Amino acid sequence: MIVTTTPNVEGKKITEYKGVIFGEVITGVNAIKDIAAGLTNFFGGRSDSYEGELIKAREDALRELEIRAKELGSNAVVGVDIDYEVLGQSGNMLMVTASGTAVKVE
């Protein structure tokens, strides 16, 4: 499956547009990772625990996007955009949304 942020796939011709699709993931950050991130915030540096959660959520959202494209009979997704939001009263939920256009290319 070709997944790209560009509006087309170089060297390929889009033969069919299947529609706009989405892959969404909402994940919570557990208390241990929240404490570790708090310490990183206090002392400075990068938060490996939050970065790991963000990477996993992004990969899961893109995987969902691919699954939905395959269900439509597509072999590529073009114009992919990824958005991030923080949810929940205490801001401890992360939502990652990937969207794009499912297409068939030759």
PDB file of N, CA and C in Angstrom:
ATOM      1  N   MET A   1       0.844  -1.174   0.000  1.00  0.00           N
ATOM      2  CA  MET A   1       0.000   0.000   0.000  1.00  0.00           C
ATOM      3  C   MET A   1       0.891   1.239   0.000  1.00  0.00           C
ATOM      4  N   ILE A   2       0.672   2.117  -0.963  1.00  0.00           N
ATOM      5  CA  ILE A   2       1.397   3.382  -1.022  1.00  0.00           C
ATOM      6  C   ILE A   2       0.597   4.407  -0.222  1.00  0.00           C
ATOM      7  N   VAL A   3       1.249   5.056   0.736  1.00  0.00           N
ATOM      8  CA  VAL A   3       0.624   6.104   1.542  1.00  0.00           C
ATOM      9  C   VAL A   3       1.525   7.324   1.436  1.00  0.00           C
ATOM     10  N   THR A   4       0.970   8.434   0.911  1.00  0.00           N
ATOM     11  CA  THR A   4       1.800   9.611   0.652  1.00  0.00           C
ATOM     12  C   THR A   4       1.052  10.908   0.951  1.00  0.00           C
ATOM     13  N   THR A   5       1.808  11.917   1.325  1.00  0.00           N
ATOM     14  CA  THR A   5       1.214  13.229   1.572  1.00  0.00           C
ATOM     15  C   THR A   5       1.020  14.013   0.277  1.00  0.00           C
ATOM     16  N   THR A   6       1.603  13.545  -0.804  1.00  0.00           N
ATOM     17  CA  THR A   6       1.493  14.238  -2.085  1.00  0.00           C
ATOM     18  C   THR A   6       0.140  13.938  -2.745  1.00  0.00           C
ATOM     19  N   PRO A   7      -0.289  14.786  -3.681  1.00  0.00           N
ATOM     20  CA  PRO A   7      -1.591  14.568  -4.315  1.00  0.00           C
ATOM     21  C   PRO A   7      -1.600  13.470  -5.383  1.00  0.00           C
ATOM     22  N   ASN A   8      -0.426  12.943  -5.702  1.00  0.00           N
ATOM     23  CA  ASN A   8      -0.340  11.854  -6.684  1.00  0.00           C
ATOM     24  C   ASN A   8       0.867  10.986  -6.343  1.00  0.00           C
ATOM     25  N   VAL A   9       1.015   9.912  -7.096  1.00  0.00           N
ATOM     26  CA  VAL A   9       2.142   9.004  -6.892  1.00  0.00           C
ATOM     27  C   VAL A   9       3.015   9.092  -8.142  1.00  0.00           C
ATOM     28  N   GLU A  10       4.237   9.538  -7.963  1.00  0.00           N
ATOM     29  CA  GLU A  10       5.125   9.721  -9.106  1.00  0.00           C
ATOM     30  C   GLU A  10       5.289   8.412  -9.875  1.00  0.00           C
ATOM     31  N   GLY A  11       5.141   8.500 -11.193  1.00  0.00           N
ATOM     32  CA  GLY A  11       5.295   7.332 -12.051  1.00  0.00           C
ATOM     33  C   GLY A  11       4.051   6.451 -12.123  1.00  0.00           C
ATOM     34  N   LYS A  12       3.010   6.803 -11.398  1.00  0.00           N
ATOM     35  CA  LYS A  12       1.762   6.027 -11.406  1.00  0.00           C
ATOM     36  C   LYS A  12       0.617   6.935 -11.844  1.00  0.00           C
ATOM     37  N   LYS A  13      -0.391   6.310 -12.412  1.00  0.00           N
ATOM     38  CA  LYS A  13      -1.575   7.056 -12.835  1.00  0.00           C
ATOM     39  C   LYS A  13      -2.738   6.667 -11.924  1.00  0.00           C
ATOM     40  N   ILE A  14      -3.405   7.671 -11.380  1.00  0.00           N
ATOM     41  CA  ILE A  14      -4.605   7.399 -10.575  1.00  0.00           C
ATOM     42  C   ILE A  14      -5.728   7.050 -11.532  1.00  0.00           C
ATOM     43  N   THR A  15      -6.272   5.852 -11.387  1.00  0.00           N
ATOM     44  CA  THR A  15      -7.329   5.389 -12.286  1.00  0.00           C
ATOM     45  C   THR A  15      -8.717   5.442 -11.647  1.00  0.00           C
ATOM     46  N   GLU A  16      -8.747   5.554 -10.315  1.00  0.00           N
ATOM     47  CA  GLU A  16     -10.042   5.568  -9.638  1.00  0.00           C
ATOM     48  C   GLU A  16      -9.903   6.219  -8.259  1.00  0.00           C
ATOM     49  N   TYR A  17     -10.840   7.097  -7.964  1.00  0.00           N
ATOM     50  CA  TYR A  17     -10.908   7.715  -6.641  1.00  0.00           C
ATOM     51  C   TYR A  17     -11.995   7.005  -5.848  1.00  0.00           C
ATOM     52  N   LYS A  18     -11.635   6.491  -4.677  1.00  0.00           N
ATOM     53  CA  LYS A  18     -12.580   5.729  -3.859  1.00  0.00           C
ATOM     54  C   LYS A  18     -13.243   6.576  -2.781  1.00  0.00           C
ATOM     55  N   GLY A  19     -12.616   7.677  -2.387  1.00  0.00           N
ATOM     56  CA  GLY A  19     -13.204   8.559  -1.396  1.00  0.00           C
ATOM     57  C   GLY A  19     -12.239   8.943  -0.286  1.00  0.00           C
ATOM     58  N   VAL A  20     -12.679   9.903   0.507  1.00  0.00           N
ATOM     59  CA  VAL A  20     -11.895  10.371   1.646  1.00  0.00           C
ATOM     60  C   VAL A  20     -12.038   9.362   2.785  1.00  0.00           C
ATOM     61  N   ILE A  21     -10.922   9.028   3.401  1.00  0.00           N
ATOM     62  CA  ILE A  21     -10.936   8.051   4.494  1.00  0.00           C
ATOM     63  C   ILE A  21     -10.176   8.605   5.690  1.00  0.00           C
ATOM     64  N   PHE A  22     -10.434   7.990   6.851  1.00  0.00           N
ATOM     65  CA  PHE A  22      -9.822   8.435   8.097  1.00  0.00           C
ATOM     66  C   PHE A  22      -9.331   7.243   8.899  1.00  0.00           C
ATOM     67  N   GLY A  23      -8.306   7.467   9.678  1.00  0.00           N
ATOM     68  CA  GLY A  23      -7.844   6.521  10.681  1.00  0.00           C
ATOM     69  C   GLY A  23      -7.692   7.304  11.974  1.00  0.00           C
ATOM     70  N   GLU A  24      -8.430   6.914  13.002  1.00  0.00           N
ATOM     71  CA  GLU A  24      -8.401   7.655  14.259  1.00  0.00           C
ATOM     72  C   GLU A  24      -7.931   6.759  15.393  1.00  0.00           C
ATOM     73  N   VAL A  25      -7.160   7.344  16.297  1.00  0.00           N
ATOM     74  CA  VAL A  25      -6.704   6.639  17.490  1.00  0.00           C
ATOM     75  C   VAL A  25      -6.805   7.613  18.660  1.00  0.00           C
ATOM     76  N   ILE A  26      -7.415   7.152  19.746  1.00  0.00           N
ATOM     77  CA  ILE A  26      -7.420   7.916  20.991  1.00  0.00           C
ATOM     78  C   ILE A  26      -6.770   7.027  22.036  1.00  0.00           C
ATOM     79  N   THR A  27      -5.730   7.542  22.661  1.00  0.00           N
ATOM     80  CA  THR A  27      -4.975   6.750  23.617  1.00  0.00           C
ATOM     81  C   THR A  27      -4.732   7.561  24.886  1.00  0.00           C
ATOM     82  N   GLY A  28      -4.689   6.868  25.986  1.00  0.00           N
ATOM     83  CA  GLY A  28      -4.410   7.511  27.258  1.00  0.00           C
ATOM     84  C   GLY A  28      -2.963   7.291  27.660  1.00  0.00           C
ATOM     85  N   VAL A  29      -2.433   8.238  28.390  1.00  0.00           N
ATOM     86  CA  VAL A  29      -1.083   8.116  28.921  1.00  0.00           C
ATOM     87  C   VAL A  29      -1.222   7.675  30.371  1.00  0.00           C
ATOM     88  N   ASN A  30      -0.600   6.560  30.706  1.00  0.00           N
ATOM     89  CA  ASN A  30      -0.771   6.044  32.069  1.00  0.00           C
ATOM     90  C   ASN A  30      -0.027   6.894  33.092  1.00  0.00           C
ATOM     91  N   ALA A  31      -0.339   6.687  34.350  1.00  0.00           N
ATOM     92  CA  ALA A  31       0.191   7.505  35.446  1.00  0.00           C
ATOM     93  C   ALA A  31       1.716   7.453  35.535  1.00  0.00           C
ATOM     94  N   ILE A  32       2.299   6.284  35.306  1.00  0.00           N
ATOM     95  CA  ILE A  32       3.766   6.159  35.389  1.00  0.00           C
ATOM     96  C   ILE A  32       4.429   7.025  34.324  1.00  0.00           C
ATOM     97  N   LYS A  33       3.932   6.948  33.090  1.00  0.00           N
ATOM     98  CA  LYS A  33       4.518   7.764  32.022  1.00  0.00           C
ATOM     99  C   LYS A  33       4.275   9.243  32.288  1.00  0.00           C
ATOM    100  N   ASP A  34       3.118   9.571  32.877  1.00  0.00           N
ATOM    101  CA  ASP A  34       2.808  10.956  33.201  1.00  0.00           C
ATOM    102  C   ASP A  34       3.795  11.497  34.243  1.00  0.00           C
ATOM    103  N   ILE A  35       4.125  10.697  35.239  1.00  0.00           N
ATOM    104  CA  ILE A  35       5.099  11.103  36.263  1.00  0.00           C
ATOM    105  C   ILE A  35       6.479  11.282  35.642  1.00  0.00           C
ATOM    106  N   ALA A  36       6.881  10.338  34.801  1.00  0.00           N
ATOM    107  CA  ALA A  36       8.188  10.431  34.136  1.00  0.00           C
ATOM    108  C   ALA A  36       8.264  11.683  33.268  1.00  0.00           C
ATOM    109  N   ALA A  37       7.166  11.989  32.563  1.00  0.00           N
ATOM    110  CA  ALA A  37       7.151  13.192  31.722  1.00  0.00           C
ATOM    111  C   ALA A  37       7.209  14.446  32.576  1.00  0.00           C
ATOM    112  N   GLY A  38       6.557  14.407  33.745  1.00  0.00           N
ATOM    113  CA  GLY A  38       6.609  15.542  34.660  1.00  0.00           C
ATOM    114  C   GLY A  38       8.024  15.812  35.143  1.00  0.00           C
ATOM    115  N   LEU A  39       8.771  14.751  35.428  1.00  0.00           N
ATOM    116  CA  LEU A  39      10.165  14.907  35.846  1.00  0.00           C
ATOM    117  C   LEU A  39      11.014  15.486  34.718  1.00  0.00           C
ATOM    118  N   THR A  40      10.759  15.010  33.519  1.00  0.00           N
ATOM    119  CA  THR A  40      11.493  15.529  32.358  1.00  0.00           C
ATOM    120  C   THR A  40      11.183  17.010  32.183  1.00  0.00           C
ATOM    121  N   ASN A  41       9.927  17.380  32.384  1.00  0.00           N
ATOM    122  CA  ASN A  41       9.524  18.777  32.263  1.00  0.00           C
ATOM    123  C   ASN A  41      10.248  19.630  33.312  1.00  0.00           C
ATOM    124  N   PHE A  42      10.376  19.104  34.501  1.00  0.00           N
ATOM    125  CA  PHE A  42      11.026  19.831  35.597  1.00  0.00           C
ATOM    126  C   PHE A  42      12.531  19.990  35.356  1.00  0.00           C
ATOM    127  N   PHE A  43      13.188  18.890  34.975  1.00  0.00           N
ATOM    128  CA  PHE A  43      14.643  18.902  34.811  1.00  0.00           C
ATOM    129  C   PHE A  43      15.097  19.271  33.399  1.00  0.00           C
ATOM    130  N   GLY A  44      14.196  19.204  32.446  1.00  0.00           N
ATOM    131  CA  GLY A  44      14.532  19.517  31.058  1.00  0.00           C
ATOM    132  C   GLY A  44      14.860  18.257  30.273  1.00  0.00           C
ATOM    133  N   GLY A  45      14.875  18.379  28.966  1.00  0.00           N
ATOM    134  CA  GLY A  45      15.195  17.245  28.094  1.00  0.00           C
ATOM    135  C   GLY A  45      13.960  16.740  27.364  1.00  0.00           C
ATOM    136  N   ARG A  46      14.144  15.665  26.661  1.00  0.00           N
ATOM    137  CA  ARG A  46      13.075  15.064  25.866  1.00  0.00           C
ATOM    138  C   ARG A  46      12.331  14.037  26.700  1.00  0.00           C
ATOM    139  N   SER A  47      11.049  13.921  26.437  1.00  0.00           N
ATOM    140  CA  SER A  47      10.223  12.954  27.150  1.00  0.00           C
ATOM    141  C   SER A  47      10.076  11.692  26.303  1.00  0.00           C
ATOM    142  N   ASP A  48      10.915  10.698  26.571  1.00  0.00           N
ATOM    143  CA  ASP A  48      10.854   9.445  25.815  1.00  0.00           C
ATOM    144  C   ASP A  48       9.505   8.758  25.974  1.00  0.00           C
ATOM    145  N   SER A  49       8.909   8.849  27.162  1.00  0.00           N
ATOM    146  CA  SER A  49       7.633   8.166  27.390  1.00  0.00           C
ATOM    147  C   SER A  49       6.533   8.773  26.533  1.00  0.00           C
ATOM    148  N   TYR A  50       6.450  10.099  26.475  1.00  0.00           N
ATOM    149  CA  TYR A  50       5.432  10.739  25.637  1.00  0.00           C
ATOM    150  C   TYR A  50       5.737  10.556  24.154  1.00  0.00           C
ATOM    151  N   GLU A  51       7.017  10.646  23.793  1.00  0.00           N
ATOM    152  CA  GLU A  51       7.386  10.465  22.387  1.00  0.00           C
ATOM    153  C   GLU A  51       7.007   9.068  21.911  1.00  0.00           C
ATOM    154  N   GLY A  52       7.240   8.081  22.759  1.00  0.00           N
ATOM    155  CA  GLY A  52       6.870   6.708  22.408  1.00  0.00           C
ATOM    156  C   GLY A  52       5.374   6.559  22.191  1.00  0.00           C
ATOM    157  N   GLU A  53       4.581   7.171  23.061  1.00  0.00           N
ATOM    158  CA  GLU A  53       3.116   7.131  22.918  1.00  0.00           C
ATOM    159  C   GLU A  53       2.682   7.815  21.626  1.00  0.00           C
ATOM    160  N   LEU A  54       3.297   8.946  21.313  1.00  0.00           N
ATOM    161  CA  LEU A  54       2.958   9.692  20.115  1.00  0.00           C
ATOM    162  C   LEU A  54       3.290   8.897  18.855  1.00  0.00           C
ATOM    163  N   ILE A  55       4.462   8.285  18.834  1.00  0.00           N
ATOM    164  CA  ILE A  55       4.872   7.473  17.678  1.00  0.00           C
ATOM    165  C   ILE A  55       3.920   6.299  17.486  1.00  0.00           C
ATOM    166  N   LYS A  56       3.587   5.602  18.569  1.00  0.00           N
ATOM    167  CA  LYS A  56       2.683   4.457  18.476  1.00  0.00           C
ATOM    168  C   LYS A  56       1.309   4.890  17.991  1.00  0.00           C
ATOM    169  N   ALA A  57       0.786   5.995  18.507  1.00  0.00           N
ATOM    170  CA  ALA A  57      -0.536   6.476  18.096  1.00  0.00           C
ATOM    171  C   ALA A  57      -0.533   6.856  16.616  1.00  0.00           C
ATOM    172  N   ARG A  58       0.524   7.517  16.153  1.00  0.00           N
ATOM    173  CA  ARG A  58       0.609   7.891  14.736  1.00  0.00           C
ATOM    174  C   ARG A  58       0.660   6.656  13.848  1.00  0.00           C
ATOM    175  N   GLU A  59       1.485   5.676  14.211  1.00  0.00           N
ATOM    176  CA  GLU A  59       1.583   4.441  13.426  1.00  0.00           C
ATOM    177  C   GLU A  59       0.244   3.708  13.400  1.00  0.00           C
ATOM    178  N   ASP A  60      -0.463   3.666  14.537  1.00  0.00           N
ATOM    179  CA  ASP A  60      -1.771   3.008  14.593  1.00  0.00           C
ATOM    180  C   ASP A  60      -2.791   3.725  13.719  1.00  0.00           C
ATOM    181  N   ALA A  61      -2.777   5.060  13.709  1.00  0.00           N
ATOM    182  CA  ALA A  61      -3.712   5.825  12.879  1.00  0.00           C
ATOM    183  C   ALA A  61      -3.446   5.573  11.399  1.00  0.00           C
ATOM    184  N   LEU A  62      -2.180   5.511  11.016  1.00  0.00           N
ATOM    185  CA  LEU A  62      -1.847   5.222   9.609  1.00  0.00           C
ATOM    186  C   LEU A  62      -2.226   3.792   9.238  1.00  0.00           C
ATOM    187  N   ARG A  63      -2.065   2.864  10.171  1.00  0.00           N
ATOM    188  CA  ARG A  63      -2.474   1.472   9.925  1.00  0.00           C
ATOM    189  C   ARG A  63      -3.989   1.393   9.709  1.00  0.00           C
ATOM    190  N   GLU A  64      -4.754   2.124  10.524  1.00  0.00           N
ATOM    191  CA  GLU A  64      -6.215   2.178  10.355  1.00  0.00           C
ATOM    192  C   GLU A  64      -6.573   2.758   8.992  1.00  0.00           C
ATOM    193  N   LEU A  65      -5.837   3.781   8.571  1.00  0.00           N
ATOM    194  CA  LEU A  65      -6.070   4.395   7.267  1.00  0.00           C
ATOM    195  C   LEU A  65      -5.867   3.371   6.151  1.00  0.00           C
ATOM    196  N   GLU A  66      -4.795   2.590   6.239  1.00  0.00           N
ATOM    197  CA  GLU A  66      -4.520   1.552   5.240  1.00  0.00           C
ATOM    198  C   GLU A  66      -5.610   0.490   5.227  1.00  0.00           C
ATOM    199  N   ILE A  67      -6.064   0.080   6.396  1.00  0.00           N
ATOM    200  CA  ILE A  67      -7.124  -0.940   6.488  1.00  0.00           C
ATOM    201  C   ILE A  67      -8.384  -0.449   5.779  1.00  0.00           C
ATOM    202  N   ARG A  68      -8.758   0.785   6.035  1.00  0.00           N
ATOM    203  CA  ARG A  68      -9.970   1.344   5.419  1.00  0.00           C
ATOM    204  C   ARG A  68      -9.804   1.490   3.907  1.00  0.00           C
ATOM    205  N   ALA A  69      -8.587   1.819   3.464  1.00  0.00           N
ATOM    206  CA  ALA A  69      -8.339   1.922   2.025  1.00  0.00           C
ATOM    207  C   ALA A  69      -8.478   0.557   1.360  1.00  0.00           C
ATOM    208  N   LYS A  70      -7.920  -0.484   1.994  1.00  0.00           N
ATOM    209  CA  LYS A  70      -8.022  -1.838   1.443  1.00  0.00           C
ATOM    210  C   LYS A  70      -9.470  -2.301   1.378  1.00  0.00           C
ATOM    211  N   GLU A  71     -10.261  -1.945   2.393  1.00  0.00           N
ATOM    212  CA  GLU A  71     -11.679  -2.321   2.398  1.00  0.00           C
ATOM    213  C   GLU A  71     -12.427  -1.723   1.211  1.00  0.00           C
ATOM    214  N   LEU A  72     -11.948  -0.586   0.699  1.00  0.00           N
ATOM    215  CA  LEU A  72     -12.563   0.053  -0.467  1.00  0.00           C
ATOM    216  C   LEU A  72     -11.982  -0.446  -1.782  1.00  0.00           C
ATOM    217  N   GLY A  73     -11.003  -1.330  -1.713  1.00  0.00           N
ATOM    218  CA  GLY A  73     -10.364  -1.849  -2.923  1.00  0.00           C
ATOM    219  C   GLY A  73      -9.276  -0.945  -3.468  1.00  0.00           C
ATOM    220  N   SER A  74      -8.724  -0.086  -2.645  1.00  0.00           N
ATOM    221  CA  SER A  74      -7.663   0.829  -3.063  1.00  0.00           C
ATOM    222  C   SER A  74      -6.295   0.189  -2.888  1.00  0.00           C
ATOM    223  N   ASN A  75      -5.330   0.719  -3.633  1.00  0.00           N
ATOM    224  CA  ASN A  75      -3.951   0.274  -3.439  1.00  0.00           C
ATOM    225  C   ASN A  75      -3.019   1.440  -3.107  1.00  0.00           C
ATOM    226  N   ALA A  76      -3.630   2.613  -2.815  1.00  0.00           N
ATOM    227  CA  ALA A  76      -2.848   3.777  -2.419  1.00  0.00           C
ATOM    228  C   ALA A  76      -3.749   4.783  -1.705  1.00  0.00           C
ATOM    229  N   VAL A  77      -3.093   5.631  -0.916  1.00  0.00           N
ATOM    230  CA  VAL A  77      -3.779   6.752  -0.273  1.00  0.00           C
ATOM    231  C   VAL A  77      -2.941   7.991  -0.535  1.00  0.00           C
ATOM    232  N   VAL A  78      -3.560   9.011  -1.118  1.00  0.00           N
ATOM    233  CA  VAL A  78      -2.838  10.250  -1.441  1.00  0.00           C
ATOM    234  C   VAL A  78      -3.367  11.398  -0.588  1.00  0.00           C
ATOM    235  N   GLY A  79      -2.587  12.465  -0.519  1.00  0.00           N
ATOM    236  CA  GLY A  79      -3.001  13.656   0.215  1.00  0.00           C
ATOM    237  C   GLY A  79      -3.153  13.429   1.706  1.00  0.00           C
ATOM    238  N   VAL A  80      -2.314  12.576   2.273  1.00  0.00           N
ATOM    239  CA  VAL A  80      -2.441  12.225   3.685  1.00  0.00           C
ATOM    240  C   VAL A  80      -2.079  13.417   4.573  1.00  0.00           C
ATOM    241  N   ASP A  81      -2.906  13.621   5.595  1.00  0.00           N
ATOM    242  CA  ASP A  81      -2.683  14.657   6.596  1.00  0.00           C
ATOM    243  C   ASP A  81      -2.841  14.017   7.966  1.00  0.00           C
ATOM    244  N   ILE A  82      -1.974  14.379   8.899  1.00  0.00           N
ATOM    245  CA  ILE A  82      -2.043  13.832  10.258  1.00  0.00           C
ATOM    246  C   ILE A  82      -2.245  14.984  11.224  1.00  0.00           C
ATOM    247  N   ASP A  83      -3.253  14.836  12.097  1.00  0.00           N
ATOM    248  CA  ASP A  83      -3.553  15.854  13.104  1.00  0.00           C
ATOM    249  C   ASP A  83      -3.455  15.250  14.487  1.00  0.00           C
ATOM    250  N   TYR A  84      -3.049  16.079  15.439  1.00  0.00           N
ATOM    251  CA  TYR A  84      -2.897  15.667  16.837  1.00  0.00           C
ATOM    252  C   TYR A  84      -3.735  16.576  17.714  1.00  0.00           C
ATOM    253  N   GLU A  85      -4.410  16.006  18.693  1.00  0.00           N
ATOM    254  CA  GLU A  85      -5.189  16.778  19.661  1.00  0.00           C
ATOM    255  C   GLU A  85      -4.997  16.172  21.041  1.00  0.00           C
ATOM    256  N   VAL A  86      -5.079  17.007  22.056  1.00  0.00           N
ATOM    257  CA  VAL A  86      -5.056  16.547  23.438  1.00  0.00           C
ATOM    258  C   VAL A  86      -6.475  16.634  23.960  1.00  0.00           C
ATOM    259  N   LEU A  87      -6.954  15.547  24.584  1.00  0.00           N
ATOM    260  CA  LEU A  87      -8.326  15.465  25.068  1.00  0.00           C
ATOM    261  C   LEU A  87      -8.352  15.160  26.561  1.00  0.00           C
ATOM    262  N   GLY A  88      -9.538  15.230  27.132  1.00  0.00           N
ATOM    263  CA  GLY A  88      -9.720  14.873  28.535  1.00  0.00           C
ATOM    264  C   GLY A  88      -9.596  16.086  29.433  1.00  0.00           C
ATOM    265  N   GLN A  89     -10.236  16.010  30.597  1.00  0.00           N
ATOM    266  CA  GLN A  89     -10.220  17.129  31.539  1.00  0.00           C
ATOM    267  C   GLN A  89      -8.820  17.489  31.995  1.00  0.00           C
ATOM    268  N   SER A  90      -7.982  16.493  32.190  1.00  0.00           N
ATOM    269  CA  SER A  90      -6.610  16.784  32.631  1.00  0.00           C
ATOM    270  C   SER A  90      -5.612  16.725  31.470  1.00  0.00           C
ATOM    271  N   GLY A  91      -6.101  16.620  30.242  1.00  0.00           N
ATOM    272  CA  GLY A  91      -5.227  16.617  29.077  1.00  0.00           C
ATOM    273  C   GLY A  91      -4.352  15.388  28.961  1.00  0.00           C
ATOM    274  N   ASN A  92      -4.835  14.238  29.471  1.00  0.00           N
ATOM    275  CA  ASN A  92      -4.003  13.029  29.460  1.00  0.00           C
ATOM    276  C   ASN A  92      -4.435  12.030  28.388  1.00  0.00           C
ATOM    277  N   MET A  93      -5.251  12.473  27.446  1.00  0.00           N
ATOM    278  CA  MET A  93      -5.649  11.630  26.321  1.00  0.00           C
ATOM    279  C   MET A  93      -5.109  12.268  25.042  1.00  0.00           C
ATOM    280  N   LEU A  94      -4.625  11.442  24.147  1.00  0.00           N
ATOM    281  CA  LEU A  94      -4.070  11.915  22.890  1.00  0.00           C
ATOM    282  C   LEU A  94      -4.891  11.343  21.745  1.00  0.00           C
ATOM    283  N   MET A  95      -5.331  12.211  20.843  1.00  0.00           N
ATOM    284  CA  MET A  95      -6.046  11.760  19.653  1.00  0.00           C
ATOM    285  C   MET A  95      -5.182  12.072  18.431  1.00  0.00           C
ATOM    286  N   VAL A  96      -4.983  11.054  17.606  1.00  0.00           N
ATOM    287  CA  VAL A  96      -4.262  11.226  16.349  1.00  0.00           C
ATOM    288  C   VAL A  96      -5.209  10.809  15.229  1.00  0.00           C
ATOM    289  N   THR A  97      -5.383  11.696  14.258  1.00  0.00           N
ATOM    290  CA  THR A  97      -6.251  11.430  13.114  1.00  0.00           C
ATOM    291  C   THR A  97      -5.438  11.526  11.838  1.00  0.00           C
ATOM    292  N   ALA A  98      -5.512  10.490  11.022  1.00  0.00           N
ATOM    293  CA  ALA A  98      -4.883  10.501   9.702  1.00  0.00           C
ATOM    294  C   ALA A  98      -6.009  10.494   8.673  1.00  0.00           C
ATOM    295  N   SER A  99      -5.921  11.369   7.687  1.00  0.00           N
ATOM    296  CA  SER A  99      -6.937  11.399   6.643  1.00  0.00           C
ATOM    297  C   SER A  99      -6.245  11.468   5.278  1.00  0.00           C
ATOM    298  N   GLY A 100      -6.965  11.022   4.264  1.00  0.00           N
ATOM    299  CA  GLY A 100      -6.441  11.044   2.915  1.00  0.00           C
ATOM    300  C   GLY A 100      -7.477  10.560   1.934  1.00  0.00           C
ATOM    301  N   THR A 101      -7.108  10.466   0.677  1.00  0.00           N
ATOM    302  CA  THR A 101      -8.005  10.001  -0.370  1.00  0.00           C
ATOM    303  C   THR A 101      -7.556   8.621  -0.835  1.00  0.00           C
ATOM    304  N   ALA A 102      -8.467   7.662  -0.704  1.00  0.00           N
ATOM    305  CA  ALA A 102      -8.185   6.308  -1.175  1.00  0.00           C
ATOM    306  C   ALA A 102      -8.325   6.279  -2.695  1.00  0.00           C
ATOM    307  N   VAL A 103      -7.313   5.720  -3.377  1.00  0.00           N
ATOM    308  CA  VAL A 103      -7.297   5.662  -4.832  1.00  0.00           C
ATOM    309  C   VAL A 103      -6.784   4.318  -5.314  1.00  0.00           C
ATOM    310  N   LYS A 104      -7.026   4.066  -6.597  1.00  0.00           N
ATOM    311  CA  LYS A 104      -6.370   2.949  -7.284  1.00  0.00           C
ATOM    312  C   LYS A 104      -5.374   3.564  -8.248  1.00  0.00           C
ATOM    313  N   VAL A 105      -4.166   3.022  -8.247  1.00  0.00           N
ATOM    314  CA  VAL A 105      -3.134   3.507  -9.174  1.00  0.00           C
ATOM    315  C   VAL A 105      -2.619   2.340 -10.009  1.00  0.00           C
ATOM    316  N   GLU A 106      -2.122   2.687 -11.192  1.00  0.00           N
ATOM    317  CA  GLU A 106      -1.504   1.695 -12.097  1.00  0.00           C
ATOM    318  C   GLU A 106      -0.148   2.203 -12.530  1.00  0.00           C
TER     319      GLU A 106
END
